[in-house]
Amino acid sequence: MNRARDIVILDLREQTPVFDYFVVATGSSRRQLHAIAEEVDDVLKRDFGDQRMGIEGYAESRWILLDFGDVVVHLFDDETREFYDLEHLWAGAKRVTFEPETRPAADDAGQPQA
């Protein structure tokens, strides 16, 4: 995700019948949270055909929630993530191990490969 940090994926299938996974991530600014939300929406639509069922908090941009049905993405600013502490609230959930996709730094974009 576009500059998202502290990404955590919680497997909630044994915790609740309402959804399967929470993806929790932090962005450092309103603009960055918007960019992350738009990228998540675009990637899930492109790669999986998933259509977002709902979005909350986009205007305020302290906690943006993207609802894809079985997967709910929570994007927080630092203060709001610490306050709500979803990882602690769902402490019984399994954490999914993943490797975030890395991208070249902006300075390297468009530069020929050696």
PDB file of N, CA and C in Angstrom:
ATOM      1  N   MET A   1       0.851  -1.177   0.000  1.00  0.00           N
ATOM      2  CA  MET A   1       0.000   0.000   0.000  1.00  0.00           C
ATOM      3  C   MET A   1       0.890   1.231   0.000  1.00  0.00           C
ATOM      4  N   ASN A   2       0.464   2.208  -0.693  1.00  0.00           N
ATOM      5  CA  ASN A   2       1.193   3.443  -0.916  1.00  0.00           C
ATOM      6  C   ASN A   2       1.610   4.119   0.392  1.00  0.00           C
ATOM      7  N   ARG A   3       2.824   3.837   0.833  1.00  0.00           N
ATOM      8  CA  ARG A   3       3.399   4.446   2.043  1.00  0.00           C
ATOM      9  C   ARG A   3       2.656   4.122   3.335  1.00  0.00           C
ATOM     10  N   ALA A   4       1.825   3.134   3.309  1.00  0.00           N
ATOM     11  CA  ALA A   4       1.190   2.689   4.555  1.00  0.00           C
ATOM     12  C   ALA A   4       2.272   2.062   5.421  1.00  0.00           C
ATOM     13  N   ARG A   5       2.115   2.183   6.724  1.00  0.00           N
ATOM     14  CA  ARG A   5       3.102   1.572   7.615  1.00  0.00           C
ATOM     15  C   ARG A   5       2.391   0.823   8.729  1.00  0.00           C
ATOM     16  N   ASP A   6       3.165   0.023   9.426  1.00  0.00           N
ATOM     17  CA  ASP A   6       2.644  -0.775  10.539  1.00  0.00           C
ATOM     18  C   ASP A   6       1.419  -1.580  10.100  1.00  0.00           C
ATOM     19  N   ILE A   7       1.546  -2.248   8.965  1.00  0.00           N
ATOM     20  CA  ILE A   7       0.426  -3.014   8.410  1.00  0.00           C
ATOM     21  C   ILE A   7       0.275  -4.321   9.174  1.00  0.00           C
ATOM     22  N   VAL A   8      -0.945  -4.577   9.629  1.00  0.00           N
ATOM     23  CA  VAL A   8      -1.275  -5.808  10.348  1.00  0.00           C
ATOM     24  C   VAL A   8      -2.511  -6.409   9.693  1.00  0.00           C
ATOM     25  N   ILE A   9      -2.464  -7.718   9.454  1.00  0.00           N
ATOM     26  CA  ILE A   9      -3.636  -8.431   8.943  1.00  0.00           C
ATOM     27  C   ILE A   9      -4.080  -9.400  10.025  1.00  0.00           C
ATOM     28  N   LEU A  10      -5.332  -9.274  10.435  1.00  0.00           N
ATOM     29  CA  LEU A  10      -5.904 -10.138  11.465  1.00  0.00           C
ATOM     30  C   LEU A  10      -6.888 -11.105  10.828  1.00  0.00           C
ATOM     31  N   ASP A  11      -6.712 -12.392  11.101  1.00  0.00           N
ATOM     32  CA  ASP A  11      -7.630 -13.433  10.639  1.00  0.00           C
ATOM     33  C   ASP A  11      -8.710 -13.591  11.705  1.00  0.00           C
ATOM     34  N   LEU A  12      -9.908 -13.156  11.395  1.00  0.00           N
ATOM     35  CA  LEU A  12     -11.003 -13.140  12.370  1.00  0.00           C
ATOM     36  C   LEU A  12     -12.033 -14.231  12.124  1.00  0.00           C
ATOM     37  N   ARG A  13     -11.726 -15.203  11.275  1.00  0.00           N
ATOM     38  CA  ARG A  13     -12.710 -16.235  10.932  1.00  0.00           C
ATOM     39  C   ARG A  13     -13.173 -17.036  12.138  1.00  0.00           C
ATOM     40  N   GLU A  14     -12.321 -17.199  13.133  1.00  0.00           N
ATOM     41  CA  GLU A  14     -12.721 -17.937  14.339  1.00  0.00           C
ATOM     42  C   GLU A  14     -13.283 -17.017  15.417  1.00  0.00           C
ATOM     43  N   GLN A  15     -13.287 -15.706  15.165  1.00  0.00           N
ATOM     44  CA  GLN A  15     -13.728 -14.731  16.158  1.00  0.00           C
ATOM     45  C   GLN A  15     -15.149 -14.228  15.919  1.00  0.00           C
ATOM     46  N   THR A  16     -15.537 -14.123  14.639  1.00  0.00           N
ATOM     47  CA  THR A  16     -16.830 -13.533  14.301  1.00  0.00           C
ATOM     48  C   THR A  16     -17.310 -14.050  12.947  1.00  0.00           C
ATOM     49  N   PRO A  17     -18.611 -14.225  12.787  1.00  0.00           N
ATOM     50  CA  PRO A  17     -19.141 -14.639  11.483  1.00  0.00           C
ATOM     51  C   PRO A  17     -19.365 -13.456  10.530  1.00  0.00           C
ATOM     52  N   VAL A  18     -19.121 -12.253  10.983  1.00  0.00           N
ATOM     53  CA  VAL A  18     -19.456 -11.058  10.207  1.00  0.00           C
ATOM     54  C   VAL A  18     -18.449 -10.791   9.085  1.00  0.00           C
ATOM     55  N   PHE A  19     -17.154 -10.978   9.337  1.00  0.00           N
ATOM     56  CA  PHE A  19     -16.117 -10.757   8.340  1.00  0.00           C
ATOM     57  C   PHE A  19     -14.967 -11.711   8.623  1.00  0.00           C
ATOM     58  N   ASP A  20     -14.087 -11.869   7.641  1.00  0.00           N
ATOM     59  CA  ASP A  20     -12.974 -12.813   7.765  1.00  0.00           C
ATOM     60  C   ASP A  20     -11.661 -12.152   8.176  1.00  0.00           C
ATOM     61  N   TYR A  21     -11.387 -10.984   7.640  1.00  0.00           N
ATOM     62  CA  TYR A  21     -10.092 -10.347   7.882  1.00  0.00           C
ATOM     63  C   TYR A  21     -10.245  -8.854   8.137  1.00  0.00           C
ATOM     64  N   PHE A  22      -9.371  -8.346   9.004  1.00  0.00           N
ATOM     65  CA  PHE A  22      -9.149  -6.913   9.173  1.00  0.00           C
ATOM     66  C   PHE A  22      -7.745  -6.640   8.655  1.00  0.00           C
ATOM     67  N   VAL A  23      -7.608  -5.608   7.880  1.00  0.00           N
ATOM     68  CA  VAL A  23      -6.300  -5.084   7.523  1.00  0.00           C
ATOM     69  C   VAL A  23      -6.208  -3.725   8.208  1.00  0.00           C
ATOM     70  N   VAL A  24      -5.181  -3.544   9.017  1.00  0.00           N
ATOM     71  CA  VAL A  24      -5.011  -2.309   9.783  1.00  0.00           C
ATOM     72  C   VAL A  24      -3.683  -1.681   9.354  1.00  0.00           C
ATOM     73  N   ALA A  25      -3.721  -0.391   9.039  1.00  0.00           N
ATOM     74  CA  ALA A  25      -2.500   0.296   8.615  1.00  0.00           C
ATOM     75  C   ALA A  25      -2.565   1.759   9.047  1.00  0.00           C
ATOM     76  N   THR A  26      -1.406   2.390   9.042  1.00  0.00           N
ATOM     77  CA  THR A  26      -1.287   3.782   9.460  1.00  0.00           C
ATOM     78  C   THR A  26      -0.736   4.623   8.314  1.00  0.00           C
ATOM     79  N   GLY A  27      -1.260   5.832   8.210  1.00  0.00           N
ATOM     80  CA  GLY A  27      -0.739   6.836   7.284  1.00  0.00           C
ATOM     81  C   GLY A  27      -0.391   8.077   8.079  1.00  0.00           C
ATOM     82  N   SER A  28       0.528   8.874   7.567  1.00  0.00           N
ATOM     83  CA  SER A  28       1.024   9.998   8.362  1.00  0.00           C
ATOM     84  C   SER A  28       0.313  11.323   8.102  1.00  0.00           C
ATOM     85  N   SER A  29      -0.585  11.363   7.117  1.00  0.00           N
ATOM     86  CA  SER A  29      -1.299  12.611   6.840  1.00  0.00           C
ATOM     87  C   SER A  29      -2.638  12.296   6.185  1.00  0.00           C
ATOM     88  N   ARG A  30      -3.494  13.283   6.166  1.00  0.00           N
ATOM     89  CA  ARG A  30      -4.803  13.127   5.526  1.00  0.00           C
ATOM     90  C   ARG A  30      -4.626  12.759   4.051  1.00  0.00           C
ATOM     91  N   ARG A  31      -3.738  13.467   3.395  1.00  0.00           N
ATOM     92  CA  ARG A  31      -3.486  13.209   1.973  1.00  0.00           C
ATOM     93  C   ARG A  31      -2.979  11.785   1.754  1.00  0.00           C
ATOM     94  N   GLN A  32      -2.080  11.355   2.619  1.00  0.00           N
ATOM     95  CA  GLN A  32      -1.542  10.008   2.497  1.00  0.00           C
ATOM     96  C   GLN A  32      -2.622   8.953   2.748  1.00  0.00           C
ATOM     97  N   LEU A  33      -3.471   9.172   3.742  1.00  0.00           N
ATOM     98  CA  LEU A  33      -4.564   8.235   4.007  1.00  0.00           C
ATOM     99  C   LEU A  33      -5.502   8.142   2.808  1.00  0.00           C
ATOM    100  N   HIS A  34      -5.789   9.265   2.165  1.00  0.00           N
ATOM    101  CA  HIS A  34      -6.628   9.243   0.960  1.00  0.00           C
ATOM    102  C   HIS A  34      -5.957   8.431  -0.144  1.00  0.00           C
ATOM    103  N   ALA A  35      -4.658   8.642  -0.342  1.00  0.00           N
ATOM    104  CA  ALA A  35      -3.929   7.918  -1.382  1.00  0.00           C
ATOM    105  C   ALA A  35      -3.925   6.420  -1.100  1.00  0.00           C
ATOM    106  N   ILE A  36      -3.732   6.040   0.155  1.00  0.00           N
ATOM    107  CA  ILE A  36      -3.739   4.625   0.528  1.00  0.00           C
ATOM    108  C   ILE A  36      -5.121   4.032   0.268  1.00  0.00           C
ATOM    109  N   ALA A  37      -6.175   4.723   0.684  1.00  0.00           N
ATOM    110  CA  ALA A  37      -7.543   4.228   0.487  1.00  0.00           C
ATOM    111  C   ALA A  37      -7.842   4.038  -0.994  1.00  0.00           C
ATOM    112  N   GLU A  38      -7.453   4.990  -1.812  1.00  0.00           N
ATOM    113  CA  GLU A  38      -7.704   4.888  -3.248  1.00  0.00           C
ATOM    114  C   GLU A  38      -6.919   3.746  -3.868  1.00  0.00           C
ATOM    115  N   GLU A  39      -5.682   3.546  -3.415  1.00  0.00           N
ATOM    116  CA  GLU A  39      -4.878   2.450  -3.945  1.00  0.00           C
ATOM    117  C   GLU A  39      -5.463   1.097  -3.553  1.00  0.00           C
ATOM    118  N   VAL A  40      -5.870   0.946  -2.303  1.00  0.00           N
ATOM    119  CA  VAL A  40      -6.482  -0.313  -1.860  1.00  0.00           C
ATOM    120  C   VAL A  40      -7.711  -0.607  -2.710  1.00  0.00           C
ATOM    121  N   ASP A  41      -8.558   0.380  -2.887  1.00  0.00           N
ATOM    122  CA  ASP A  41      -9.774   0.223  -3.685  1.00  0.00           C
ATOM    123  C   ASP A  41      -9.434  -0.201  -5.115  1.00  0.00           C
ATOM    124  N   ASP A  42      -8.482   0.479  -5.741  1.00  0.00           N
ATOM    125  CA  ASP A  42      -8.095   0.177  -7.121  1.00  0.00           C
ATOM    126  C   ASP A  42      -7.491  -1.215  -7.259  1.00  0.00           C
ATOM    127  N   VAL A  43      -6.590  -1.580  -6.349  1.00  0.00           N
ATOM    128  CA  VAL A  43      -5.911  -2.878  -6.437  1.00  0.00           C
ATOM    129  C   VAL A  43      -6.898  -4.024  -6.234  1.00  0.00           C
ATOM    130  N   LEU A  44      -7.759  -3.917  -5.234  1.00  0.00           N
ATOM    131  CA  LEU A  44      -8.722  -4.998  -5.002  1.00  0.00           C
ATOM    132  C   LEU A  44      -9.693  -5.122  -6.168  1.00  0.00           C
ATOM    133  N   LYS A  45     -10.080  -4.025  -6.741  1.00  0.00           N
ATOM    134  CA  LYS A  45     -10.977  -4.056  -7.899  1.00  0.00           C
ATOM    135  C   LYS A  45     -10.266  -4.688  -9.096  1.00  0.00           C
ATOM    136  N   ARG A  46      -9.029  -4.264  -9.357  1.00  0.00           N
ATOM    137  CA  ARG A  46      -8.269  -4.745 -10.510  1.00  0.00           C
ATOM    138  C   ARG A  46      -7.884  -6.217 -10.373  1.00  0.00           C
ATOM    139  N   ASP A  47      -7.336  -6.588  -9.227  1.00  0.00           N
ATOM    140  CA  ASP A  47      -6.777  -7.927  -9.068  1.00  0.00           C
ATOM    141  C   ASP A  47      -7.796  -8.981  -8.674  1.00  0.00           C
ATOM    142  N   PHE A  48      -8.848  -8.584  -7.974  1.00  0.00           N
ATOM    143  CA  PHE A  48      -9.789  -9.573  -7.454  1.00  0.00           C
ATOM    144  C   PHE A  48     -11.234  -9.312  -7.858  1.00  0.00           C
ATOM    145  N   GLY A  49     -11.485  -8.216  -8.530  1.00  0.00           N
ATOM    146  CA  GLY A  49     -12.851  -7.887  -8.917  1.00  0.00           C
ATOM    147  C   GLY A  49     -13.725  -7.484  -7.744  1.00  0.00           C
ATOM    148  N   ASP A  50     -13.101  -7.281  -6.587  1.00  0.00           N
ATOM    149  CA  ASP A  50     -13.878  -6.918  -5.398  1.00  0.00           C
ATOM    150  C   ASP A  50     -14.402  -5.496  -5.523  1.00  0.00           C
ATOM    151  N   GLN A  51     -15.657  -5.351  -5.240  1.00  0.00           N
ATOM    152  CA  GLN A  51     -16.275  -4.033  -5.223  1.00  0.00           C
ATOM    153  C   GLN A  51     -16.456  -3.610  -3.780  1.00  0.00           C
ATOM    154  N   ARG A  52     -16.040  -2.409  -3.490  1.00  0.00           N
ATOM    155  CA  ARG A  52     -16.202  -1.887  -2.140  1.00  0.00           C
ATOM    156  C   ARG A  52     -17.683  -1.752  -1.834  1.00  0.00           C
ATOM    157  N   MET A  53     -18.085  -2.250  -0.660  1.00  0.00           N
ATOM    158  CA  MET A  53     -19.477  -2.171  -0.221  1.00  0.00           C
ATOM    159  C   MET A  53     -19.756  -0.853   0.492  1.00  0.00           C
ATOM    160  N   GLY A  54     -18.723  -0.259   1.073  1.00  0.00           N
ATOM    161  CA  GLY A  54     -18.920   0.985   1.799  1.00  0.00           C
ATOM    162  C   GLY A  54     -17.602   1.600   2.196  1.00  0.00           C
ATOM    163  N   ILE A  55     -17.681   2.882   2.513  1.00  0.00           N
ATOM    164  CA  ILE A  55     -16.517   3.607   3.015  1.00  0.00           C
ATOM    165  C   ILE A  55     -17.012   4.583   4.075  1.00  0.00           C
ATOM    166  N   GLU A  56     -16.265   4.686   5.153  1.00  0.00           N
ATOM    167  CA  GLU A  56     -16.602   5.607   6.246  1.00  0.00           C
ATOM    168  C   GLU A  56     -15.354   6.395   6.617  1.00  0.00           C
ATOM    169  N   GLY A  57     -15.544   7.614   7.049  1.00  0.00           N
ATOM    170  CA  GLY A  57     -14.460   8.414   7.600  1.00  0.00           C
ATOM    171  C   GLY A  57     -13.556   9.095   6.600  1.00  0.00           C
ATOM    172  N   TYR A  58     -13.878   9.023   5.312  1.00  0.00           N
ATOM    173  CA  TYR A  58     -12.993   9.593   4.293  1.00  0.00           C
ATOM    174  C   TYR A  58     -12.841  11.103   4.457  1.00  0.00           C
ATOM    175  N   ALA A  59     -13.923  11.791   4.729  1.00  0.00           N
ATOM    176  CA  ALA A  59     -13.870  13.257   4.852  1.00  0.00           C
ATOM    177  C   ALA A  59     -13.014  13.693   6.038  1.00  0.00           C
ATOM    178  N   GLU A  60     -13.182  13.014   7.180  1.00  0.00           N
ATOM    179  CA  GLU A  60     -12.423  13.380   8.380  1.00  0.00           C
ATOM    180  C   GLU A  60     -10.988  12.883   8.308  1.00  0.00           C
ATOM    181  N   SER A  61     -10.801  11.719   7.716  1.00  0.00           N
ATOM    182  CA  SER A  61      -9.483  11.134   7.455  1.00  0.00           C
ATOM    183  C   SER A  61      -8.641  10.872   8.689  1.00  0.00           C
ATOM    184  N   ARG A  62      -9.264  10.546   9.790  1.00  0.00           N
ATOM    185  CA  ARG A  62      -8.514  10.098  10.968  1.00  0.00           C
ATOM    186  C   ARG A  62      -8.591   8.571  11.039  1.00  0.00           C
ATOM    187  N   TRP A  63      -9.717   8.028  10.591  1.00  0.00           N
ATOM    188  CA  TRP A  63      -9.940   6.589  10.526  1.00  0.00           C
ATOM    189  C   TRP A  63     -10.807   6.356   9.304  1.00  0.00           C
ATOM    190  N   ILE A  64     -10.213   5.814   8.261  1.00  0.00           N
ATOM    191  CA  ILE A  64     -10.959   5.485   7.051  1.00  0.00           C
ATOM    192  C   ILE A  64     -11.207   3.987   7.070  1.00  0.00           C
ATOM    193  N   LEU A  65     -12.458   3.606   6.929  1.00  0.00           N
ATOM    194  CA  LEU A  65     -12.848   2.200   6.912  1.00  0.00           C
ATOM    195  C   LEU A  65     -13.354   1.875   5.514  1.00  0.00           C
ATOM    196  N   LEU A  66     -12.750   0.861   4.896  1.00  0.00           N
ATOM    197  CA  LEU A  66     -13.170   0.370   3.589  1.00  0.00           C
ATOM    198  C   LEU A  66     -13.750  -1.021   3.792  1.00  0.00           C
ATOM    199  N   ASP A  67     -15.007  -1.202   3.451  1.00  0.00           N
ATOM    200  CA  ASP A  67     -15.704  -2.470   3.665  1.00  0.00           C
ATOM    201  C   ASP A  67     -15.809  -3.215   2.343  1.00  0.00           C
ATOM    202  N   PHE A  68     -15.132  -4.362   2.269  1.00  0.00           N
ATOM    203  CA  PHE A  68     -15.193  -5.225   1.099  1.00  0.00           C
ATOM    204  C   PHE A  68     -15.929  -6.520   1.424  1.00  0.00           C
ATOM    205  N   GLY A  69     -16.782  -6.499   2.425  1.00  0.00           N
ATOM    206  CA  GLY A  69     -17.533  -7.693   2.811  1.00  0.00           C
ATOM    207  C   GLY A  69     -16.729  -8.538   3.778  1.00  0.00           C
ATOM    208  N   ASP A  70     -16.050  -9.552   3.259  1.00  0.00           N
ATOM    209  CA  ASP A  70     -15.258 -10.441   4.114  1.00  0.00           C
ATOM    210  C   ASP A  70     -13.966  -9.795   4.604  1.00  0.00           C
ATOM    211  N   VAL A  71     -13.542  -8.737   3.933  1.00  0.00           N
ATOM    212  CA  VAL A  71     -12.317  -8.026   4.304  1.00  0.00           C
ATOM    213  C   VAL A  71     -12.675  -6.575   4.613  1.00  0.00           C
ATOM    214  N   VAL A  72     -12.237  -6.105   5.783  1.00  0.00           N
ATOM    215  CA  VAL A  72     -12.455  -4.716   6.175  1.00  0.00           C
ATOM    216  C   VAL A  72     -11.083  -4.084   6.399  1.00  0.00           C
ATOM    217  N   VAL A  73     -10.841  -2.977   5.714  1.00  0.00           N
ATOM    218  CA  VAL A  73      -9.561  -2.281   5.798  1.00  0.00           C
ATOM    219  C   VAL A  73      -9.740  -1.043   6.674  1.00  0.00           C
ATOM    220  N   HIS A  74      -8.900  -0.926   7.696  1.00  0.00           N
ATOM    221  CA  HIS A  74      -8.918   0.212   8.619  1.00  0.00           C
ATOM    222  C   HIS A  74      -7.634   1.004   8.418  1.00  0.00           C
ATOM    223  N   LEU A  75      -7.767   2.253   8.011  1.00  0.00           N
ATOM    224  CA  LEU A  75      -6.619   3.135   7.817  1.00  0.00           C
ATOM    225  C   LEU A  75      -6.701   4.255   8.842  1.00  0.00           C
ATOM    226  N   PHE A  76      -5.656   4.391   9.632  1.00  0.00           N
ATOM    227  CA  PHE A  76      -5.658   5.335  10.752  1.00  0.00           C
ATOM    228  C   PHE A  76      -4.542   6.355  10.635  1.00  0.00           C
ATOM    229  N   ASP A  77      -4.746   7.516  11.272  1.00  0.00           N
ATOM    230  CA  ASP A  77      -3.605   8.360  11.592  1.00  0.00           C
ATOM    231  C   ASP A  77      -3.035   7.800  12.901  1.00  0.00           C
ATOM    232  N   ASP A  78      -1.853   8.249  13.290  1.00  0.00           N
ATOM    233  CA  ASP A  78      -1.168   7.673  14.463  1.00  0.00           C
ATOM    234  C   ASP A  78      -1.999   7.751  15.742  1.00  0.00           C
ATOM    235  N   GLU A  79      -2.507   8.921  16.033  1.00  0.00           N
ATOM    236  CA  GLU A  79      -3.231   9.144  17.286  1.00  0.00           C
ATOM    237  C   GLU A  79      -4.498   8.295  17.370  1.00  0.00           C
ATOM    238  N   THR A  80      -5.240   8.206  16.287  1.00  0.00           N
ATOM    239  CA  THR A  80      -6.498   7.456  16.291  1.00  0.00           C
ATOM    240  C   THR A  80      -6.239   5.957  16.386  1.00  0.00           C
ATOM    241  N   ARG A  81      -5.203   5.484  15.712  1.00  0.00           N
ATOM    242  CA  ARG A  81      -4.881   4.058  15.804  1.00  0.00           C
ATOM    243  C   ARG A  81      -4.519   3.686  17.236  1.00  0.00           C
ATOM    244  N   GLU A  82      -3.715   4.516  17.868  1.00  0.00           N
ATOM    245  CA  GLU A  82      -3.334   4.248  19.257  1.00  0.00           C
ATOM    246  C   GLU A  82      -4.556   4.278  20.176  1.00  0.00           C
ATOM    247  N   PHE A  83      -5.458   5.217  19.964  1.00  0.00           N
ATOM    248  CA  PHE A  83      -6.644   5.355  20.810  1.00  0.00           C
ATOM    249  C   PHE A  83      -7.556   4.127  20.707  1.00  0.00           C
ATOM    250  N   TYR A  84      -7.865   3.691  19.488  1.00  0.00           N
ATOM    251  CA  TYR A  84      -8.802   2.572  19.314  1.00  0.00           C
ATOM    252  C   TYR A  84      -8.143   1.210  19.479  1.00  0.00           C
ATOM    253  N   ASP A  85      -6.870   1.093  19.172  1.00  0.00           N
ATOM    254  CA  ASP A  85      -6.078  -0.111  19.425  1.00  0.00           C
ATOM    255  C   ASP A  85      -6.811  -1.397  19.022  1.00  0.00           C
ATOM    256  N   LEU A  86      -7.197  -1.490  17.749  1.00  0.00           N
ATOM    257  CA  LEU A  86      -7.937  -2.659  17.263  1.00  0.00           C
ATOM    258  C   LEU A  86      -7.175  -3.960  17.460  1.00  0.00           C
ATOM    259  N   GLU A  87      -5.853  -3.902  17.347  1.00  0.00           N
ATOM    260  CA  GLU A  87      -5.072  -5.122  17.531  1.00  0.00           C
ATOM    261  C   GLU A  87      -5.258  -5.684  18.937  1.00  0.00           C
ATOM    262  N   HIS A  88      -5.377  -4.820  19.936  1.00  0.00           N
ATOM    263  CA  HIS A  88      -5.613  -5.269  21.304  1.00  0.00           C
ATOM    264  C   HIS A  88      -7.053  -5.745  21.468  1.00  0.00           C
ATOM    265  N   LEU A  89      -7.986  -5.016  20.877  1.00  0.00           N
ATOM    266  CA  LEU A  89      -9.397  -5.398  20.948  1.00  0.00           C
ATOM    267  C   LEU A  89      -9.622  -6.795  20.371  1.00  0.00           C
ATOM    268  N   TRP A  90      -8.926  -7.118  19.291  1.00  0.00           N
ATOM    269  CA  TRP A  90      -9.038  -8.425  18.646  1.00  0.00           C
ATOM    270  C   TRP A  90      -7.783  -9.264  18.922  1.00  0.00           C
ATOM    271  N   ALA A  91      -7.284  -9.215  20.138  1.00  0.00           N
ATOM    272  CA  ALA A  91      -6.033  -9.894  20.500  1.00  0.00           C
ATOM    273  C   ALA A  91      -6.097 -11.401  20.283  1.00  0.00           C
ATOM    274  N   GLY A  92      -7.273 -11.989  20.323  1.00  0.00           N
ATOM    275  CA  GLY A  92      -7.411 -13.428  20.119  1.00  0.00           C
ATOM    276  C   GLY A  92      -7.306 -13.856  18.670  1.00  0.00           C
ATOM    277  N   ALA A  93      -7.270 -12.908  17.760  1.00  0.00           N
ATOM    278  CA  ALA A  93      -7.203 -13.223  16.332  1.00  0.00           C
ATOM    279  C   ALA A  93      -5.783 -13.607  15.936  1.00  0.00           C
ATOM    280  N   LYS A  94      -5.689 -14.483  14.949  1.00  0.00           N
ATOM    281  CA  LYS A  94      -4.384 -14.847  14.401  1.00  0.00           C
ATOM    282  C   LYS A  94      -3.901 -13.711  13.509  1.00  0.00           C
ATOM    283  N   ARG A  95      -2.600 -13.478  13.546  1.00  0.00           N
ATOM    284  CA  ARG A  95      -1.999 -12.496  12.640  1.00  0.00           C
ATOM    285  C   ARG A  95      -1.505 -13.227  11.402  1.00  0.00           C
ATOM    286  N   VAL A  96      -1.807 -12.657  10.261  1.00  0.00           N
ATOM    287  CA  VAL A  96      -1.396 -13.237   8.989  1.00  0.00           C
ATOM    288  C   VAL A  96      -0.034 -12.660   8.623  1.00  0.00           C
ATOM    289  N   THR A  97       0.903 -13.531   8.307  1.00  0.00           N
ATOM    290  CA  THR A  97       2.231 -13.103   7.898  1.00  0.00           C
ATOM    291  C   THR A  97       2.205 -12.774   6.411  1.00  0.00           C
ATOM    292  N   PHE A  98       2.799 -11.655   6.051  1.00  0.00           N
ATOM    293  CA  PHE A  98       2.869 -11.264   4.645  1.00  0.00           C
ATOM    294  C   PHE A  98       4.095 -10.401   4.429  1.00  0.00           C
ATOM    295  N   GLU A  99       4.499 -10.307   3.189  1.00  0.00           N
ATOM    296  CA  GLU A  99       5.609  -9.437   2.808  1.00  0.00           C
ATOM    297  C   GLU A  99       5.041  -8.300   1.973  1.00  0.00           C
ATOM    298  N   PRO A 100       5.102  -7.071   2.467  1.00  0.00           N
ATOM    299  CA  PRO A 100       4.602  -5.950   1.666  1.00  0.00           C
ATOM    300  C   PRO A 100       5.386  -5.817   0.370  1.00  0.00           C
ATOM    301  N   GLU A 101       4.681  -5.448  -0.683  1.00  0.00           N
ATOM    302  CA  GLU A 101       5.322  -5.206  -1.963  1.00  0.00           C
ATOM    303  C   GLU A 101       6.161  -3.944  -1.842  1.00  0.00           C
ATOM    304  N   THR A 102       7.392  -4.004  -2.305  1.00  0.00           N
ATOM    305  CA  THR A 102       8.243  -2.816  -2.244  1.00  0.00           C
ATOM    306  C   THR A 102       8.290  -2.168  -3.612  1.00  0.00           C
ATOM    307  N   ARG A 103       8.436  -0.862  -3.603  1.00  0.00           N
ATOM    308  CA  ARG A 103       8.521  -0.091  -4.843  1.00  0.00           C
ATOM    309  C   ARG A 103       9.803   0.711  -4.821  1.00  0.00           C
ATOM    310  N   PRO A 104      10.317   1.031  -6.012  1.00  0.00           N
ATOM    311  CA  PRO A 104      11.516   1.876  -6.031  1.00  0.00           C
ATOM    312  C   PRO A 104      11.211   3.245  -5.446  1.00  0.00           C
ATOM    313  N   ALA A 105      12.218   3.853  -4.855  1.00  0.00           N
ATOM    314  CA  ALA A 105      12.058   5.199  -4.306  1.00  0.00           C
ATOM    315  C   ALA A 105      11.718   6.162  -5.430  1.00  0.00           C
ATOM    316  N   ALA A 106      11.066   7.264  -5.089  1.00  0.00           N
ATOM    317  CA  ALA A 106      10.649   8.250  -6.089  1.00  0.00           C
ATOM    318  C   ALA A 106      11.836   8.751  -6.911  1.00  0.00           C
ATOM    319  N   ASP A 107      13.012   8.852  -6.291  1.00  0.00           N
ATOM    320  CA  ASP A 107      14.200   9.323  -7.004  1.00  0.00           C
ATOM    321  C   ASP A 107      14.620   8.356  -8.105  1.00  0.00           C
ATOM    322  N   ASP A 108      14.279   7.062  -7.938  1.00  0.00           N
ATOM    323  CA  ASP A 108      14.675   6.047  -8.899  1.00  0.00           C
ATOM    324  C   ASP A 108      13.667   5.889 -10.026  1.00  0.00           C
ATOM    325  N   ALA A 109      12.484   6.440  -9.874  1.00  0.00           N
ATOM    326  CA  ALA A 109      11.425   6.254 -10.861  1.00  0.00           C
ATOM    327  C   ALA A 109      11.866   6.822 -12.205  1.00  0.00           C
ATOM    328  N   GLY A 110      11.677   6.024 -13.228  1.00  0.00           N
ATOM    329  CA  GLY A 110      11.982   6.478 -14.574  1.00  0.00           C
ATOM    330  C   GLY A 110      13.454   6.427 -14.931  1.00  0.00           C
ATOM    331  N   GLN A 111      14.309   5.993 -14.035  1.00  0.00           N
ATOM    332  CA  GLN A 111      15.730   5.903 -14.321  1.00  0.00           C
ATOM    333  C   GLN A 111      16.019   4.569 -15.001  1.00  0.00           C
ATOM    334  N   PRO A 112      16.882   4.556 -16.009  1.00  0.00           N
ATOM    335  CA  PRO A 112      17.222   3.295 -16.681  1.00  0.00           C
ATOM    336  C   PRO A 112      17.914   2.338 -15.717  1.00  0.00           C
ATOM    337  N   GLN A 113      17.641   1.072 -15.907  1.00  0.00           N
ATOM    338  CA  GLN A 113      18.276   0.030 -15.100  1.00  0.00           C
ATOM    339  C   GLN A 113      19.711  -0.158 -15.580  1.00  0.00           C
ATOM    340  N   ALA A 114      20.652  -0.364 -14.672  1.00  0.00           N
ATOM    341  CA  ALA A 114      22.058  -0.567 -15.031  1.00  0.00           C
ATOM    342  C   ALA A 114      22.303  -1.999 -15.400  1.00  0.00           C
TER     343      ALA A 114
END
